[in-house]
Amino acid sequence: MIGRLAGRVDWRGPDHVLLDVGGVGYIVHVSDRTLAALPAVGGHAALYTDLLVREDLLQLFGFSTLQEKEWHRLLTSVQGIGARASLAILGALGPDGVSRAIALGDWAAVKAAPGVGPKLAQRVVNELKGRAAEVMAMGTTPASAPGAASATEGVPAAPAPAPAAPPPTASAQSDALSALVNLGYAQGEAAAAVAQAASETPEADASALIRAALKALAPQG
């Protein structure tokens, strides 16, 4: 099983890239968001991958973080959601947005993905609502981690750039969720509260999310 690829971007298609890894070219299908975040042709890229195996087909799908890959795995476990539909959902919402939508039961947000109708969106939310917390807790681990080897041989290595920081919103939500679970809240209710707080104040840091989530979780009346 191919779990991760790192190499030179030789070609960028509308929904895939060709990665040269040690002289071997791999066609990797990606979501719109992941494609937009990848470097131009000639640049170095790293992707977590999932291999789809059918009797007459082998396809690689790539993801910038383990969180995105895990959502792809879960989404494709829902009847009616194939790999293309999963990438459409991830492209429309991003892994962080998928976490929020499913934790909040917001099937309308899932329906915004091209090709996903209301019944299918409701099925996604209903079947995966218990999984949002564990995926949110994963945080974001970029595939282009420090130490990734370049696919270009014989060229002196330039100083490695500093690794990109995880998106603030995703990191803050993960930290807030972890804190609430440590306080004794169930993962499901904690995830819903954090997702609600993040949807109301998208730029909030972990402390602000924790305060807002605790307020939402406080007994009413």
Protein backbone atom coordinates (compact mmCIF):
# COMPACT_ATOMS: atom_id res chain seq x y z
CA MET A 1 0.00 0.00 0.00
CA ILE A 2 1.31 3.45 -0.95
CA GLY A 3 0.69 5.73 2.03
CA ARG A 4 2.75 8.81 1.16
CA LEU A 5 4.56 10.22 -1.86
CA ALA A 6 7.11 13.02 -2.03
CA GLY A 7 8.62 14.27 -5.24
CA ARG A 8 8.71 16.86 -8.00
CA VAL A 9 5.51 18.15 -9.58
CA ASP A 10 5.87 17.37 -13.28
CA TRP A 11 2.33 18.19 -14.36
CA ARG A 12 -0.78 19.84 -12.94
CA GLY A 13 -4.13 18.73 -14.36
CA PRO A 14 -7.61 20.00 -13.49
CA ASP A 15 -8.05 17.39 -10.76
CA HIS A 16 -4.68 15.64 -10.46
CA VAL A 17 -0.92 16.06 -10.45
CA LEU A 18 1.91 13.97 -11.82
CA LEU A 19 4.57 13.46 -9.16
CA ASP A 20 8.06 12.34 -10.16
CA VAL A 21 9.34 10.22 -7.28
CA GLY A 22 12.82 8.91 -7.95
CA GLY A 23 12.21 8.80 -11.70
CA VAL A 24 8.79 7.14 -11.45
CA GLY A 25 5.74 9.25 -12.29
CA TYR A 26 2.61 8.85 -10.18
CA ILE A 27 -0.75 10.34 -11.19
CA VAL A 28 -2.42 11.48 -7.96
CA HIS A 29 -6.01 12.75 -7.89
CA VAL A 30 -6.67 15.56 -5.41
CA SER A 31 -9.44 17.91 -4.28
CA ASP A 32 -9.66 21.48 -5.57
CA ARG A 33 -8.30 22.83 -2.28
CA THR A 34 -5.37 20.46 -2.17
CA LEU A 35 -4.52 21.19 -5.79
CA ALA A 36 -4.57 24.94 -5.13
CA ALA A 37 -2.15 24.50 -2.22
CA LEU A 38 0.40 22.48 -4.21
CA PRO A 39 3.44 24.19 -5.77
CA ALA A 40 3.84 24.99 -9.45
CA VAL A 41 5.41 22.55 -11.91
CA GLY A 42 8.99 21.90 -10.84
CA GLY A 43 8.29 22.39 -7.15
CA HIS A 44 8.53 19.75 -4.46
CA ALA A 45 5.34 18.32 -2.98
CA ALA A 46 4.37 15.61 -0.52
CA LEU A 47 0.97 13.98 -0.17
CA TYR A 48 -0.57 11.30 1.98
CA THR A 49 -2.20 8.84 -0.40
CA ASP A 50 -4.98 6.31 -0.63
CA LEU A 51 -4.95 3.64 -3.34
CA LEU A 52 -8.28 2.66 -4.88
CA VAL A 53 -8.10 -0.89 -6.25
CA ARG A 54 -10.76 -2.29 -8.56
CA GLU A 55 -10.73 -5.14 -11.03
CA ASP A 56 -10.03 -2.81 -13.96
CA LEU A 57 -8.73 0.29 -12.20
CA LEU A 58 -5.94 1.53 -9.95
CA GLN A 59 -6.18 5.15 -8.79
CA LEU A 60 -4.17 7.14 -6.28
CA PHE A 61 -5.81 9.92 -4.29
CA GLY A 62 -3.70 12.49 -2.45
CA PHE A 63 -4.25 14.55 0.70
CA SER A 64 -2.29 17.35 2.29
CA THR A 65 -2.98 16.21 5.88
CA LEU A 66 -3.86 13.01 7.70
CA GLN A 67 -7.11 14.66 8.78
CA GLU A 68 -8.12 15.14 5.15
CA LYS A 69 -7.17 11.53 4.35
CA GLU A 70 -9.21 10.23 7.28
CA TRP A 71 -12.27 12.19 6.21
CA HIS A 72 -11.88 10.72 2.72
CA ARG A 73 -11.81 7.23 4.20
CA LEU A 74 -14.92 7.90 6.27
CA LEU A 75 -16.83 9.68 3.52
CA THR A 76 -16.26 6.86 1.06
CA SER A 77 -17.62 4.39 3.63
CA VAL A 78 -21.05 6.02 3.20
CA GLN A 79 -23.21 4.35 0.58
CA GLY A 80 -23.44 6.56 -2.48
CA ILE A 81 -20.22 8.47 -1.78
CA GLY A 82 -17.43 7.42 -4.09
CA ALA A 83 -13.93 8.83 -4.27
CA ARG A 84 -14.96 11.64 -6.62
CA ALA A 85 -17.85 12.74 -4.40
CA SER A 86 -15.57 12.64 -1.37
CA LEU A 87 -13.05 14.91 -3.10
CA ALA A 88 -15.90 17.23 -4.09
CA ILE A 89 -17.00 17.54 -0.45
CA LEU A 90 -13.44 18.06 0.77
CA GLY A 91 -12.84 20.57 -2.01
CA ALA A 92 -15.95 22.55 -1.12
CA LEU A 93 -15.55 22.53 2.67
CA GLY A 94 -12.01 21.44 3.48
CA PRO A 95 -11.40 18.86 6.24
CA ASP A 96 -11.99 21.48 8.94
CA GLY A 97 -15.31 22.49 7.37
CA VAL A 98 -16.37 18.85 7.04
CA SER A 99 -15.66 18.38 10.76
CA ARG A 100 -17.81 21.38 11.66
CA ALA A 101 -20.66 20.45 9.32
CA ILE A 102 -20.89 16.87 10.55
CA ALA A 103 -20.47 17.75 14.23
CA LEU A 104 -23.30 20.29 13.91
CA GLY A 105 -25.49 18.09 11.72
CA ASP A 106 -25.34 20.75 9.00
CA TRP A 107 -26.24 18.64 5.98
CA ALA A 108 -26.94 21.80 3.94
CA ALA A 109 -23.22 22.60 4.05
CA VAL A 110 -22.40 19.12 2.75
CA LYS A 111 -25.02 19.55 0.01
CA ALA A 112 -23.07 22.55 -1.27
CA ALA A 113 -20.52 20.16 -2.79
CA PRO A 114 -21.06 19.59 -6.54
CA GLY A 115 -23.04 16.43 -7.26
CA VAL A 116 -24.21 15.87 -3.68
CA GLY A 117 -27.98 16.00 -3.25
CA PRO A 118 -29.93 16.60 -0.03
CA LYS A 119 -30.68 12.93 0.70
CA LEU A 120 -27.05 11.95 0.27
CA ALA A 121 -25.88 14.90 2.38
CA GLN A 122 -28.26 13.89 5.18
CA ARG A 123 -26.99 10.31 4.99
CA VAL A 124 -23.40 11.52 5.33
CA VAL A 125 -24.22 13.57 8.43
CA ASN A 126 -26.34 10.85 10.04
CA GLU A 127 -23.79 8.08 9.51
CA LEU A 128 -20.67 10.05 10.43
CA LYS A 129 -21.87 12.34 13.22
CA GLY A 130 -20.24 10.09 15.82
CA ARG A 131 -16.83 10.31 14.12
CA ALA A 132 -16.32 14.09 13.96
CA ALA A 133 -14.74 14.37 17.40
CA GLU A 134 -11.99 11.83 16.78
CA VAL A 135 -11.08 13.38 13.43
CA MET A 136 -11.06 16.90 14.89
CA ALA A 137 -8.75 15.64 17.64
CA MET A 138 -6.23 14.52 15.01
CA GLY A 139 -5.36 18.14 14.29
CA THR A 140 -3.34 18.72 11.14
CA THR A 141 -0.15 16.86 10.27
CA PRO A 142 1.14 18.13 6.91
CA ALA A 143 2.48 15.53 4.51
CA SER A 144 5.36 17.87 3.68
CA ALA A 145 6.91 17.23 7.06
CA PRO A 146 10.50 18.27 7.85
CA GLY A 147 12.99 15.85 6.39
CA ALA A 148 11.01 15.02 3.26
CA ALA A 149 13.52 14.01 0.61
CA SER A 150 13.66 15.83 -2.71
CA ALA A 151 13.03 13.79 -5.84
CA THR A 152 15.69 15.71 -7.77
CA GLU A 153 19.04 13.94 -7.64
CA GLY A 154 22.48 15.40 -8.19
CA VAL A 155 21.47 18.96 -7.27
CA PRO A 156 22.84 20.52 -4.07
CA ALA A 157 20.02 20.84 -1.57
CA ALA A 158 18.89 24.34 -0.75
CA PRO A 159 18.19 25.15 2.89
CA ALA A 160 14.85 23.60 3.81
CA PRO A 161 12.10 26.16 4.30
CA ALA A 162 10.34 26.24 7.63
CA PRO A 163 7.40 23.81 7.64
CA ALA A 164 4.06 25.42 7.08
CA ALA A 165 2.09 25.92 10.26
CA PRO A 166 -1.25 24.16 10.55
CA PRO A 167 -4.24 26.36 9.71
CA PRO A 168 -5.00 28.38 12.88
CA THR A 169 -8.65 27.37 12.94
CA ALA A 170 -7.95 23.64 12.69
CA SER A 171 -5.20 23.74 15.31
CA ALA A 172 -7.32 25.84 17.68
CA GLN A 173 -10.31 23.51 17.33
CA SER A 174 -8.16 20.47 18.00
CA ASP A 175 -6.67 22.07 21.13
CA ALA A 176 -10.07 23.24 22.36
CA LEU A 177 -11.62 19.82 21.81
CA SER A 178 -8.79 18.11 23.67
CA ALA A 179 -9.17 20.52 26.59
CA LEU A 180 -12.92 19.95 26.88
CA VAL A 181 -12.52 16.18 26.76
CA ASN A 182 -9.90 16.44 29.50
CA LEU A 183 -12.45 18.38 31.55
CA GLY A 184 -14.78 15.40 31.36
CA TYR A 185 -17.12 16.31 28.51
CA ALA A 186 -18.11 13.58 26.09
CA GLN A 187 -16.33 13.83 22.74
CA GLY A 188 -19.55 14.17 20.79
CA GLU A 189 -20.97 17.08 22.78
CA ALA A 190 -17.56 18.73 23.03
CA ALA A 191 -17.06 18.50 19.27
CA ALA A 192 -20.47 20.02 18.58
CA ALA A 193 -19.81 22.89 21.00
CA VAL A 194 -16.37 23.62 19.54
CA ALA A 195 -17.70 23.44 15.99
CA GLN A 196 -20.50 25.85 16.85
CA ALA A 197 -18.06 28.28 18.47
CA ALA A 198 -15.72 28.07 15.46
CA SER A 199 -18.56 28.70 13.02
CA GLU A 200 -19.51 31.87 14.91
CA THR A 201 -15.95 33.17 15.34
CA PRO A 202 -13.76 31.52 12.65
CA GLU A 203 -10.57 33.35 13.68
CA ALA A 204 -10.85 32.57 17.40
CA ASP A 205 -7.87 31.01 19.15
CA ALA A 206 -8.11 27.92 21.34
CA SER A 207 -8.77 29.88 24.56
CA ALA A 208 -11.64 31.81 22.98
CA LEU A 209 -13.10 28.61 21.55
CA ILE A 210 -12.93 26.91 24.94
CA ARG A 211 -14.71 29.82 26.64
CA ALA A 212 -17.43 29.92 24.00
CA ALA A 213 -17.86 26.13 24.04
CA LEU A 214 -18.09 26.04 27.83
CA LYS A 215 -20.77 28.72 27.69
CA ALA A 216 -22.73 26.64 25.19
CA LEU A 217 -22.32 23.51 27.31
CA ALA A 218 -23.39 25.21 30.54
CA PRO A 219 -26.84 24.13 31.83
CA GLN A 220 -29.52 26.53 30.67
CA GLY A 221 -32.03 28.16 32.98
